[in-house]
Amino acid sequence: MTVEHGVREDAVTAPVNGWIGQLFHPDNLDDTVAALMGAQSGAHEAPRTSNAKARKAEAERRLRKLQEAIAVGVDPAALVEPINQAQTDRVAAQVEMDNQPATGDLDRAEVYAMIDSLGDVGTTLADAKPAGLARLYRNLDLNMVYQPEEQAIDVTACPGVDSACVRGGT
């Protein structure tokens, strides 16, 4: 683990390990799994899906404007082509959204299994052997950012749940 800006590693390790220990303690495991489940849902929408949603919303906006124009007296025959185009765009965007592959979100059992694959987190933390801690930090994808103004470290762990993270601070 590398910490910049003159913060000593040993000053960070104990609070970080305490935070990790709390997250993976059996009494808190259900809350940790719930946080990971909530973080992964919709958090990594494919750019194509996002683009299709935006195109559909734009087509619906155009249709509303055209309907408003008809409501205030514009000849509907003059708007047939723009209405047809907006409807075609809306349907095409919806078809694209409907045909996107599944997001790959993990179910609750898979998240528990992933956490179980980390091994006994409590023992690893208690032993505090550098190699074991390094492996645990790597498996958790632990990241730390020093905030000099607050003299705090923002800590995130993203343990392979498709970009789902739990956040904490020391």
N, C-alpha and C. Protein backbone atom coordinates (compact mmCIF):
# COMPACT_ATOMS: atom_id res chain seq x y z
N MET A 1 0.85 -1.17 0.00
CA MET A 1 0.00 0.00 0.00
C MET A 1 0.89 1.22 0.00
N THR A 2 0.60 2.15 -0.88
CA THR A 2 1.38 3.39 -0.95
C THR A 2 0.49 4.54 -0.51
N VAL A 3 1.01 5.33 0.39
CA VAL A 3 0.29 6.51 0.84
C VAL A 3 1.21 7.70 0.60
N GLU A 4 0.68 8.70 -0.11
CA GLU A 4 1.50 9.87 -0.44
C GLU A 4 1.28 10.98 0.57
N HIS A 5 2.00 12.07 0.39
CA HIS A 5 1.87 13.29 1.19
C HIS A 5 2.36 13.11 2.61
N GLY A 6 3.30 12.22 2.84
CA GLY A 6 3.93 12.13 4.14
C GLY A 6 3.14 11.41 5.21
N VAL A 7 2.04 10.75 4.90
CA VAL A 7 1.31 9.99 5.89
C VAL A 7 1.97 8.63 6.03
N ARG A 8 2.27 8.28 7.25
CA ARG A 8 2.95 7.00 7.49
C ARG A 8 1.95 5.86 7.31
N GLU A 9 2.42 4.79 6.70
CA GLU A 9 1.57 3.64 6.44
C GLU A 9 1.03 3.03 7.73
N ASP A 10 1.87 2.94 8.74
CA ASP A 10 1.40 2.32 9.98
C ASP A 10 0.33 3.16 10.68
N ALA A 11 0.26 4.45 10.40
CA ALA A 11 -0.79 5.30 10.96
C ALA A 11 -2.13 5.06 10.27
N VAL A 12 -2.09 4.48 9.08
CA VAL A 12 -3.29 4.24 8.30
C VAL A 12 -3.76 2.80 8.42
N THR A 13 -2.82 1.88 8.53
CA THR A 13 -3.15 0.45 8.50
C THR A 13 -4.13 0.04 9.58
N ALA A 14 -3.91 0.46 10.82
CA ALA A 14 -4.79 0.03 11.91
C ALA A 14 -6.23 0.51 11.71
N PRO A 15 -6.47 1.80 11.41
CA PRO A 15 -7.86 2.22 11.18
C PRO A 15 -8.49 1.55 9.96
N VAL A 16 -7.72 1.38 8.89
CA VAL A 16 -8.26 0.73 7.69
C VAL A 16 -8.61 -0.72 8.00
N ASN A 17 -7.72 -1.41 8.69
CA ASN A 17 -8.00 -2.80 9.05
C ASN A 17 -9.21 -2.89 9.97
N GLY A 18 -9.36 -1.91 10.87
CA GLY A 18 -10.54 -1.89 11.73
C GLY A 18 -11.82 -1.72 10.92
N TRP A 19 -11.77 -0.83 9.93
CA TRP A 19 -12.93 -0.62 9.06
C TRP A 19 -13.26 -1.89 8.28
N ILE A 20 -12.24 -2.50 7.69
CA ILE A 20 -12.46 -3.74 6.94
C ILE A 20 -13.00 -4.82 7.87
N GLY A 21 -12.41 -4.92 9.05
CA GLY A 21 -12.88 -5.92 10.01
C GLY A 21 -14.35 -5.74 10.34
N GLN A 22 -14.78 -4.48 10.50
CA GLN A 22 -16.20 -4.21 10.77
C GLN A 22 -17.07 -4.62 9.59
N LEU A 23 -16.62 -4.32 8.38
CA LEU A 23 -17.41 -4.67 7.19
C LEU A 23 -17.64 -6.16 7.07
N PHE A 24 -16.59 -6.95 7.36
CA PHE A 24 -16.65 -8.38 7.12
C PHE A 24 -16.86 -9.19 8.39
N HIS A 25 -17.14 -8.51 9.50
CA HIS A 25 -17.46 -9.21 10.74
C HIS A 25 -18.81 -9.90 10.54
N PRO A 26 -18.97 -11.13 11.05
CA PRO A 26 -20.24 -11.85 10.85
C PRO A 26 -21.48 -11.04 11.25
N ASP A 27 -21.37 -10.20 12.27
CA ASP A 27 -22.53 -9.40 12.69
C ASP A 27 -22.93 -8.35 11.67
N ASN A 28 -22.00 -7.94 10.80
CA ASN A 28 -22.25 -6.88 9.82
C ASN A 28 -22.30 -7.39 8.38
N LEU A 29 -22.09 -8.66 8.19
CA LEU A 29 -21.96 -9.21 6.83
C LEU A 29 -23.22 -8.97 6.00
N ASP A 30 -24.40 -9.13 6.60
CA ASP A 30 -25.63 -8.90 5.83
C ASP A 30 -25.72 -7.46 5.35
N ASP A 31 -25.32 -6.51 6.20
CA ASP A 31 -25.33 -5.10 5.79
C ASP A 31 -24.32 -4.84 4.67
N THR A 32 -23.15 -5.47 4.76
CA THR A 32 -22.12 -5.31 3.72
C THR A 32 -22.61 -5.87 2.40
N VAL A 33 -23.23 -7.05 2.44
CA VAL A 33 -23.77 -7.65 1.21
C VAL A 33 -24.86 -6.74 0.64
N ALA A 34 -25.72 -6.21 1.51
CA ALA A 34 -26.79 -5.31 1.03
C ALA A 34 -26.19 -4.07 0.37
N ALA A 35 -25.13 -3.52 0.95
CA ALA A 35 -24.48 -2.34 0.36
C ALA A 35 -23.90 -2.67 -1.00
N LEU A 36 -23.27 -3.83 -1.11
CA LEU A 36 -22.69 -4.23 -2.40
C LEU A 36 -23.78 -4.51 -3.43
N MET A 37 -24.87 -5.13 -3.00
CA MET A 37 -25.97 -5.39 -3.93
C MET A 37 -26.56 -4.07 -4.43
N GLY A 38 -26.77 -3.14 -3.52
CA GLY A 38 -27.34 -1.85 -3.90
C GLY A 38 -26.43 -1.05 -4.80
N ALA A 39 -25.14 -1.16 -4.56
CA ALA A 39 -24.18 -0.39 -5.36
C ALA A 39 -24.06 -0.91 -6.77
N GLN A 40 -24.25 -2.21 -6.97
CA GLN A 40 -24.07 -2.75 -8.32
C GLN A 40 -25.29 -2.53 -9.20
N SER A 41 -26.46 -2.41 -8.65
CA SER A 41 -27.68 -2.30 -9.45
C SER A 41 -27.72 -1.00 -10.22
N GLY A 42 -27.64 -1.11 -11.52
CA GLY A 42 -27.74 0.05 -12.39
C GLY A 42 -26.52 0.94 -12.36
N ALA A 43 -25.50 0.59 -11.61
CA ALA A 43 -24.34 1.48 -11.48
C ALA A 43 -23.43 1.42 -12.69
N HIS A 44 -23.61 0.44 -13.50
CA HIS A 44 -22.70 0.29 -14.64
C HIS A 44 -23.47 0.08 -15.93
N GLU A 45 -24.44 0.92 -16.17
CA GLU A 45 -25.25 0.85 -17.38
C GLU A 45 -24.36 1.02 -18.60
N ALA A 46 -24.60 0.17 -19.58
CA ALA A 46 -23.80 0.23 -20.80
C ALA A 46 -24.00 1.57 -21.49
N PRO A 47 -22.93 2.14 -22.06
CA PRO A 47 -23.07 3.42 -22.75
C PRO A 47 -24.12 3.38 -23.86
N ARG A 48 -24.22 2.25 -24.55
CA ARG A 48 -25.22 2.14 -25.62
C ARG A 48 -26.63 2.24 -25.06
N THR A 49 -26.87 1.63 -23.90
CA THR A 49 -28.19 1.71 -23.28
C THR A 49 -28.49 3.14 -22.88
N SER A 50 -27.52 3.80 -22.29
CA SER A 50 -27.69 5.18 -21.88
C SER A 50 -27.99 6.06 -23.08
N ASN A 51 -27.27 5.84 -24.18
CA ASN A 51 -27.48 6.60 -25.41
C ASN A 51 -28.88 6.34 -25.96
N ALA A 52 -29.32 5.09 -25.94
CA ALA A 52 -30.65 4.75 -26.44
C ALA A 52 -31.73 5.41 -25.58
N LYS A 53 -31.53 5.43 -24.27
CA LYS A 53 -32.50 6.08 -23.39
C LYS A 53 -32.59 7.57 -23.71
N ALA A 54 -31.45 8.19 -23.95
CA ALA A 54 -31.43 9.62 -24.28
C ALA A 54 -32.14 9.87 -25.61
N ARG A 55 -31.90 9.00 -26.60
CA ARG A 55 -32.56 9.16 -27.91
C ARG A 55 -34.07 8.97 -27.78
N LYS A 56 -34.49 8.01 -26.96
CA LYS A 56 -35.92 7.78 -26.77
C LYS A 56 -36.55 9.00 -26.09
N ALA A 57 -35.90 9.52 -25.07
CA ALA A 57 -36.43 10.70 -24.37
C ALA A 57 -36.53 11.89 -25.32
N GLU A 58 -35.54 12.06 -26.18
CA GLU A 58 -35.56 13.16 -27.15
C GLU A 58 -36.72 12.98 -28.15
N ALA A 59 -36.92 11.74 -28.61
CA ALA A 59 -38.02 11.48 -29.54
C ALA A 59 -39.36 11.76 -28.87
N GLU A 60 -39.50 11.38 -27.61
CA GLU A 60 -40.74 11.64 -26.89
C GLU A 60 -40.95 13.14 -26.66
N ARG A 61 -39.86 13.87 -26.42
CA ARG A 61 -39.94 15.32 -26.28
C ARG A 61 -40.44 15.95 -27.58
N ARG A 62 -39.89 15.48 -28.72
CA ARG A 62 -40.31 16.01 -30.02
C ARG A 62 -41.79 15.70 -30.27
N LEU A 63 -42.22 14.50 -29.93
CA LEU A 63 -43.64 14.14 -30.11
C LEU A 63 -44.55 15.04 -29.27
N ARG A 64 -44.17 15.31 -28.03
CA ARG A 64 -44.96 16.20 -27.18
C ARG A 64 -45.06 17.59 -27.80
N LYS A 65 -43.94 18.11 -28.30
CA LYS A 65 -43.93 19.44 -28.92
C LYS A 65 -44.86 19.45 -30.15
N LEU A 66 -44.80 18.40 -30.94
CA LEU A 66 -45.64 18.34 -32.13
C LEU A 66 -47.12 18.24 -31.74
N GLN A 67 -47.41 17.47 -30.69
CA GLN A 67 -48.80 17.38 -30.22
C GLN A 67 -49.28 18.72 -29.68
N GLU A 68 -48.39 19.44 -28.99
CA GLU A 68 -48.74 20.78 -28.50
C GLU A 68 -49.02 21.72 -29.67
N ALA A 69 -48.24 21.58 -30.73
CA ALA A 69 -48.44 22.44 -31.91
C ALA A 69 -49.82 22.18 -32.52
N ILE A 70 -50.19 20.91 -32.58
CA ILE A 70 -51.51 20.56 -33.11
C ILE A 70 -52.60 21.13 -32.20
N ALA A 71 -52.38 21.04 -30.88
CA ALA A 71 -53.37 21.54 -29.92
C ALA A 71 -53.61 23.04 -30.05
N VAL A 72 -52.58 23.79 -30.48
CA VAL A 72 -52.76 25.24 -30.62
C VAL A 72 -53.16 25.64 -32.04
N GLY A 73 -53.42 24.65 -32.91
CA GLY A 73 -53.99 24.99 -34.20
C GLY A 73 -53.14 24.72 -35.42
N VAL A 74 -51.95 24.18 -35.29
CA VAL A 74 -51.16 23.87 -36.48
C VAL A 74 -51.84 22.72 -37.22
N ASP A 75 -51.83 22.80 -38.54
CA ASP A 75 -52.45 21.77 -39.37
C ASP A 75 -51.74 20.43 -39.17
N PRO A 76 -52.44 19.39 -38.67
CA PRO A 76 -51.82 18.08 -38.44
C PRO A 76 -51.20 17.48 -39.70
N ALA A 77 -51.76 17.78 -40.86
CA ALA A 77 -51.23 17.23 -42.10
C ALA A 77 -49.81 17.74 -42.35
N ALA A 78 -49.52 18.95 -41.88
CA ALA A 78 -48.19 19.51 -42.07
C ALA A 78 -47.15 18.85 -41.15
N LEU A 79 -47.63 18.13 -40.14
CA LEU A 79 -46.71 17.54 -39.16
C LEU A 79 -46.60 16.02 -39.26
N VAL A 80 -47.22 15.45 -40.28
CA VAL A 80 -47.23 13.99 -40.41
C VAL A 80 -45.80 13.44 -40.48
N GLU A 81 -44.97 14.02 -41.34
CA GLU A 81 -43.61 13.50 -41.51
C GLU A 81 -42.78 13.65 -40.22
N PRO A 82 -42.75 14.81 -39.56
CA PRO A 82 -42.00 14.91 -38.31
C PRO A 82 -42.52 13.97 -37.21
N ILE A 83 -43.86 13.79 -37.16
CA ILE A 83 -44.43 12.87 -36.16
C ILE A 83 -43.99 11.44 -36.46
N ASN A 84 -44.08 11.03 -37.72
CA ASN A 84 -43.65 9.68 -38.10
C ASN A 84 -42.18 9.46 -37.78
N GLN A 85 -41.35 10.47 -38.04
CA GLN A 85 -39.91 10.33 -37.77
C GLN A 85 -39.65 10.20 -36.26
N ALA A 86 -40.33 11.00 -35.46
CA ALA A 86 -40.16 10.94 -34.00
C ALA A 86 -40.62 9.58 -33.47
N GLN A 87 -41.75 9.08 -33.99
CA GLN A 87 -42.24 7.77 -33.56
C GLN A 87 -41.27 6.66 -33.96
N THR A 88 -40.71 6.76 -35.16
CA THR A 88 -39.73 5.78 -35.62
C THR A 88 -38.48 5.81 -34.74
N ASP A 89 -38.03 7.01 -34.40
CA ASP A 89 -36.85 7.14 -33.54
C ASP A 89 -37.12 6.56 -32.15
N ARG A 90 -38.32 6.82 -31.63
CA ARG A 90 -38.68 6.30 -30.30
C ARG A 90 -38.71 4.77 -30.31
N VAL A 91 -39.32 4.17 -31.32
CA VAL A 91 -39.40 2.71 -31.41
C VAL A 91 -38.00 2.11 -31.58
N ALA A 92 -37.17 2.71 -32.42
CA ALA A 92 -35.81 2.19 -32.65
C ALA A 92 -35.00 2.23 -31.36
N ALA A 93 -35.12 3.30 -30.60
CA ALA A 93 -34.39 3.40 -29.33
C ALA A 93 -34.89 2.35 -28.35
N GLN A 94 -36.20 2.14 -28.29
CA GLN A 94 -36.76 1.13 -27.38
C GLN A 94 -36.30 -0.27 -27.77
N VAL A 95 -36.28 -0.57 -29.06
CA VAL A 95 -35.80 -1.88 -29.53
C VAL A 95 -34.34 -2.07 -29.14
N GLU A 96 -33.53 -1.03 -29.29
CA GLU A 96 -32.12 -1.13 -28.89
C GLU A 96 -31.99 -1.39 -27.40
N MET A 97 -32.80 -0.70 -26.59
CA MET A 97 -32.75 -0.91 -25.14
C MET A 97 -33.19 -2.33 -24.79
N ASP A 98 -34.22 -2.81 -25.45
CA ASP A 98 -34.75 -4.15 -25.17
C ASP A 98 -33.76 -5.25 -25.56
N ASN A 99 -32.89 -4.97 -26.51
CA ASN A 99 -31.96 -5.99 -26.99
C ASN A 99 -30.56 -5.89 -26.39
N GLN A 100 -30.39 -5.06 -25.36
CA GLN A 100 -29.09 -4.97 -24.69
C GLN A 100 -28.88 -6.23 -23.86
N PRO A 101 -27.63 -6.71 -23.79
CA PRO A 101 -27.37 -7.88 -22.95
C PRO A 101 -27.58 -7.53 -21.48
N ALA A 102 -27.81 -8.56 -20.68
CA ALA A 102 -27.98 -8.37 -19.24
C ALA A 102 -26.74 -7.71 -18.66
N THR A 103 -26.92 -6.98 -17.55
CA THR A 103 -25.82 -6.23 -16.96
C THR A 103 -24.80 -7.11 -16.28
N GLY A 104 -25.15 -8.33 -15.93
CA GLY A 104 -24.19 -9.20 -15.25
C GLY A 104 -24.14 -8.97 -13.75
N ASP A 105 -25.16 -8.31 -13.20
CA ASP A 105 -25.20 -8.12 -11.76
C ASP A 105 -25.21 -9.48 -11.06
N LEU A 106 -24.55 -9.52 -9.94
CA LEU A 106 -24.51 -10.74 -9.14
C LEU A 106 -25.73 -10.80 -8.25
N ASP A 107 -26.19 -12.03 -7.98
CA ASP A 107 -27.28 -12.14 -7.02
C ASP A 107 -26.69 -12.25 -5.61
N ARG A 108 -27.54 -12.22 -4.61
CA ARG A 108 -27.11 -12.20 -3.21
C ARG A 108 -26.22 -13.39 -2.88
N ALA A 109 -26.58 -14.58 -3.34
CA ALA A 109 -25.78 -15.78 -3.05
C ALA A 109 -24.38 -15.66 -3.66
N GLU A 110 -24.29 -15.07 -4.86
CA GLU A 110 -22.98 -14.90 -5.49
C GLU A 110 -22.12 -13.91 -4.72
N VAL A 111 -22.74 -12.87 -4.16
CA VAL A 111 -21.98 -11.90 -3.37
C VAL A 111 -21.47 -12.56 -2.09
N TYR A 112 -22.32 -13.34 -1.43
CA TYR A 112 -21.86 -14.08 -0.24
C TYR A 112 -20.71 -15.03 -0.61
N ALA A 113 -20.83 -15.71 -1.74
CA ALA A 113 -19.78 -16.63 -2.17
C ALA A 113 -18.48 -15.89 -2.47
N MET A 114 -18.60 -14.71 -3.09
CA MET A 114 -17.41 -13.91 -3.38
C MET A 114 -16.72 -13.51 -2.08
N ILE A 115 -17.51 -13.08 -1.10
CA ILE A 115 -16.93 -12.69 0.19
C ILE A 115 -16.30 -13.91 0.86
N ASP A 116 -16.97 -15.05 0.77
CA ASP A 116 -16.42 -16.28 1.34
C ASP A 116 -15.09 -16.64 0.70
N SER A 117 -14.95 -16.33 -0.61
CA SER A 117 -13.70 -16.65 -1.31
C SER A 117 -12.52 -15.81 -0.81
N LEU A 118 -12.82 -14.70 -0.11
CA LEU A 118 -11.74 -13.89 0.45
C LEU A 118 -11.05 -14.60 1.61
N GLY A 119 -11.70 -15.62 2.13
CA GLY A 119 -11.12 -16.34 3.27
C GLY A 119 -11.52 -15.66 4.56
N ASP A 120 -10.87 -16.05 5.63
CA ASP A 120 -11.16 -15.50 6.95
C ASP A 120 -10.53 -14.12 7.07
N VAL A 121 -11.30 -13.11 6.78
CA VAL A 121 -10.80 -11.73 6.78
C VAL A 121 -10.32 -11.35 8.17
N GLY A 122 -11.06 -11.75 9.19
CA GLY A 122 -10.68 -11.43 10.56
C GLY A 122 -9.32 -11.98 10.93
N THR A 123 -9.03 -13.23 10.55
CA THR A 123 -7.74 -13.85 10.86
C THR A 123 -6.63 -13.15 10.10
N THR A 124 -6.87 -12.83 8.83
CA THR A 124 -5.86 -12.13 8.03
C THR A 124 -5.53 -10.79 8.67
N LEU A 125 -6.54 -10.09 9.12
CA LEU A 125 -6.31 -8.78 9.75
C LEU A 125 -5.60 -8.94 11.09
N ALA A 126 -5.98 -9.96 11.86
CA ALA A 126 -5.37 -10.17 13.18
C ALA A 126 -3.90 -10.55 13.04
N ASP A 127 -3.59 -11.38 12.04
CA ASP A 127 -2.21 -11.81 11.83
C ASP A 127 -1.35 -10.65 11.32
N ALA A 128 -1.95 -9.79 10.52
CA ALA A 128 -1.30 -8.60 9.98
C ALA A 128 0.05 -8.88 9.33
N LYS A 129 0.18 -10.02 8.69
CA LYS A 129 1.40 -10.31 7.93
C LYS A 129 1.33 -9.55 6.62
N PRO A 130 2.39 -8.87 6.25
CA PRO A 130 2.36 -8.02 5.05
C PRO A 130 1.85 -8.74 3.80
N ALA A 131 2.29 -9.97 3.58
CA ALA A 131 1.87 -10.68 2.37
C ALA A 131 0.36 -10.95 2.39
N GLY A 132 -0.15 -11.36 3.54
CA GLY A 132 -1.59 -11.62 3.66
C GLY A 132 -2.41 -10.36 3.51
N LEU A 133 -1.95 -9.27 4.14
CA LEU A 133 -2.65 -8.00 4.00
C LEU A 133 -2.63 -7.49 2.57
N ALA A 134 -1.48 -7.62 1.93
CA ALA A 134 -1.37 -7.17 0.53
C ALA A 134 -2.35 -7.94 -0.35
N ARG A 135 -2.44 -9.26 -0.14
CA ARG A 135 -3.37 -10.08 -0.92
C ARG A 135 -4.81 -9.66 -0.64
N LEU A 136 -5.14 -9.44 0.64
CA LEU A 136 -6.49 -9.02 1.00
C LEU A 136 -6.81 -7.66 0.38
N TYR A 137 -5.91 -6.69 0.51
CA TYR A 137 -6.13 -5.36 -0.06
C TYR A 137 -6.32 -5.44 -1.57
N ARG A 138 -5.52 -6.29 -2.22
CA ARG A 138 -5.64 -6.46 -3.67
C ARG A 138 -6.99 -7.08 -4.02
N ASN A 139 -7.41 -8.13 -3.28
CA ASN A 139 -8.70 -8.78 -3.55
C ASN A 139 -9.87 -7.84 -3.30
N LEU A 140 -9.70 -6.93 -2.36
CA LEU A 140 -10.75 -5.95 -2.08
C LEU A 140 -10.67 -4.75 -3.02
N ASP A 141 -9.62 -4.68 -3.83
CA ASP A 141 -9.36 -3.52 -4.69
C ASP A 141 -9.44 -2.26 -3.85
N LEU A 142 -8.65 -2.28 -2.76
CA LEU A 142 -8.65 -1.18 -1.80
C LEU A 142 -7.93 0.02 -2.38
N ASN A 143 -8.59 1.17 -2.32
CA ASN A 143 -8.01 2.42 -2.80
C ASN A 143 -8.13 3.47 -1.70
N MET A 144 -7.08 4.27 -1.56
CA MET A 144 -7.08 5.33 -0.56
C MET A 144 -6.63 6.63 -1.19
N VAL A 145 -7.35 7.70 -0.84
CA VAL A 145 -7.00 9.02 -1.34
C VAL A 145 -6.88 9.95 -0.12
N TYR A 146 -5.72 10.54 0.03
CA TYR A 146 -5.47 11.45 1.14
C TYR A 146 -6.11 12.80 0.86
N GLN A 147 -6.87 13.31 1.82
CA GLN A 147 -7.50 14.62 1.72
C GLN A 147 -6.76 15.54 2.69
N PRO A 148 -5.74 16.28 2.21
CA PRO A 148 -4.90 17.06 3.13
C PRO A 148 -5.67 18.14 3.90
N GLU A 149 -6.70 18.74 3.29
CA GLU A 149 -7.43 19.79 3.99
C GLU A 149 -8.12 19.24 5.23
N GLU A 150 -8.69 18.06 5.11
CA GLU A 150 -9.39 17.44 6.23
C GLU A 150 -8.47 16.55 7.06
N GLN A 151 -7.26 16.35 6.57
CA GLN A 151 -6.32 15.41 7.18
C GLN A 151 -7.00 14.06 7.38
N ALA A 152 -7.61 13.60 6.30
CA ALA A 152 -8.34 12.34 6.32
C ALA A 152 -7.99 11.54 5.07
N ILE A 153 -8.29 10.28 5.12
CA ILE A 153 -8.07 9.41 3.98
C ILE A 153 -9.41 8.81 3.59
N ASP A 154 -9.80 9.01 2.34
CA ASP A 154 -11.03 8.44 1.79
C ASP A 154 -10.68 7.04 1.32
N VAL A 155 -11.38 6.05 1.85
CA VAL A 155 -11.06 4.65 1.55
C VAL A 155 -12.24 4.03 0.82
N THR A 156 -11.95 3.33 -0.29
CA THR A 156 -12.98 2.56 -0.98
C THR A 156 -12.47 1.15 -1.17
N ALA A 157 -13.41 0.23 -1.13
CA ALA A 157 -13.11 -1.17 -1.42
C ALA A 157 -14.11 -1.62 -2.47
N CYS A 158 -13.61 -2.18 -3.56
CA CYS A 158 -14.46 -2.64 -4.65
C CYS A 158 -14.15 -4.11 -4.92
N PRO A 159 -14.69 -4.99 -4.10
CA PRO A 159 -14.31 -6.40 -4.18
C PRO A 159 -14.94 -7.19 -5.31
N GLY A 160 -14.72 -6.75 -6.54
CA GLY A 160 -15.10 -7.55 -7.70
C GLY A 160 -16.58 -7.74 -7.88
N VAL A 161 -17.42 -6.80 -7.48
CA VAL A 161 -18.85 -6.91 -7.69
C VAL A 161 -19.25 -5.90 -8.77
N ASP A 162 -18.60 -6.01 -9.92
CA ASP A 162 -18.92 -5.14 -11.04
C ASP A 162 -19.00 -3.68 -10.64
N SER A 163 -17.93 -3.18 -10.08
CA SER A 163 -17.79 -1.78 -9.71
C SER A 163 -18.60 -1.36 -8.49
N ALA A 164 -19.15 -2.30 -7.77
CA ALA A 164 -19.84 -1.95 -6.53
C ALA A 164 -18.80 -1.66 -5.46
N CYS A 165 -19.00 -0.60 -4.72
CA CYS A 165 -18.02 -0.20 -3.71
C CYS A 165 -18.71 0.06 -2.38
N VAL A 166 -17.92 -0.12 -1.35
CA VAL A 166 -18.31 0.36 -0.04
C VAL A 166 -17.31 1.41 0.34
N ARG A 167 -17.78 2.47 0.98
CA ARG A 167 -16.92 3.60 1.28
C ARG A 167 -16.77 3.76 2.77
N GLY A 168 -15.63 4.31 3.15
CA GLY A 168 -15.39 4.63 4.56
C GLY A 168 -14.31 5.66 4.64
N GLY A 169 -13.96 6.02 5.81
CA GLY A 169 -12.90 7.01 5.99
C GLY A 169 -12.20 6.80 7.29
N THR A 170 -10.98 7.29 7.36
CA THR A 170 -10.25 7.20 8.62
C THR A 170 -9.88 8.58 9.07
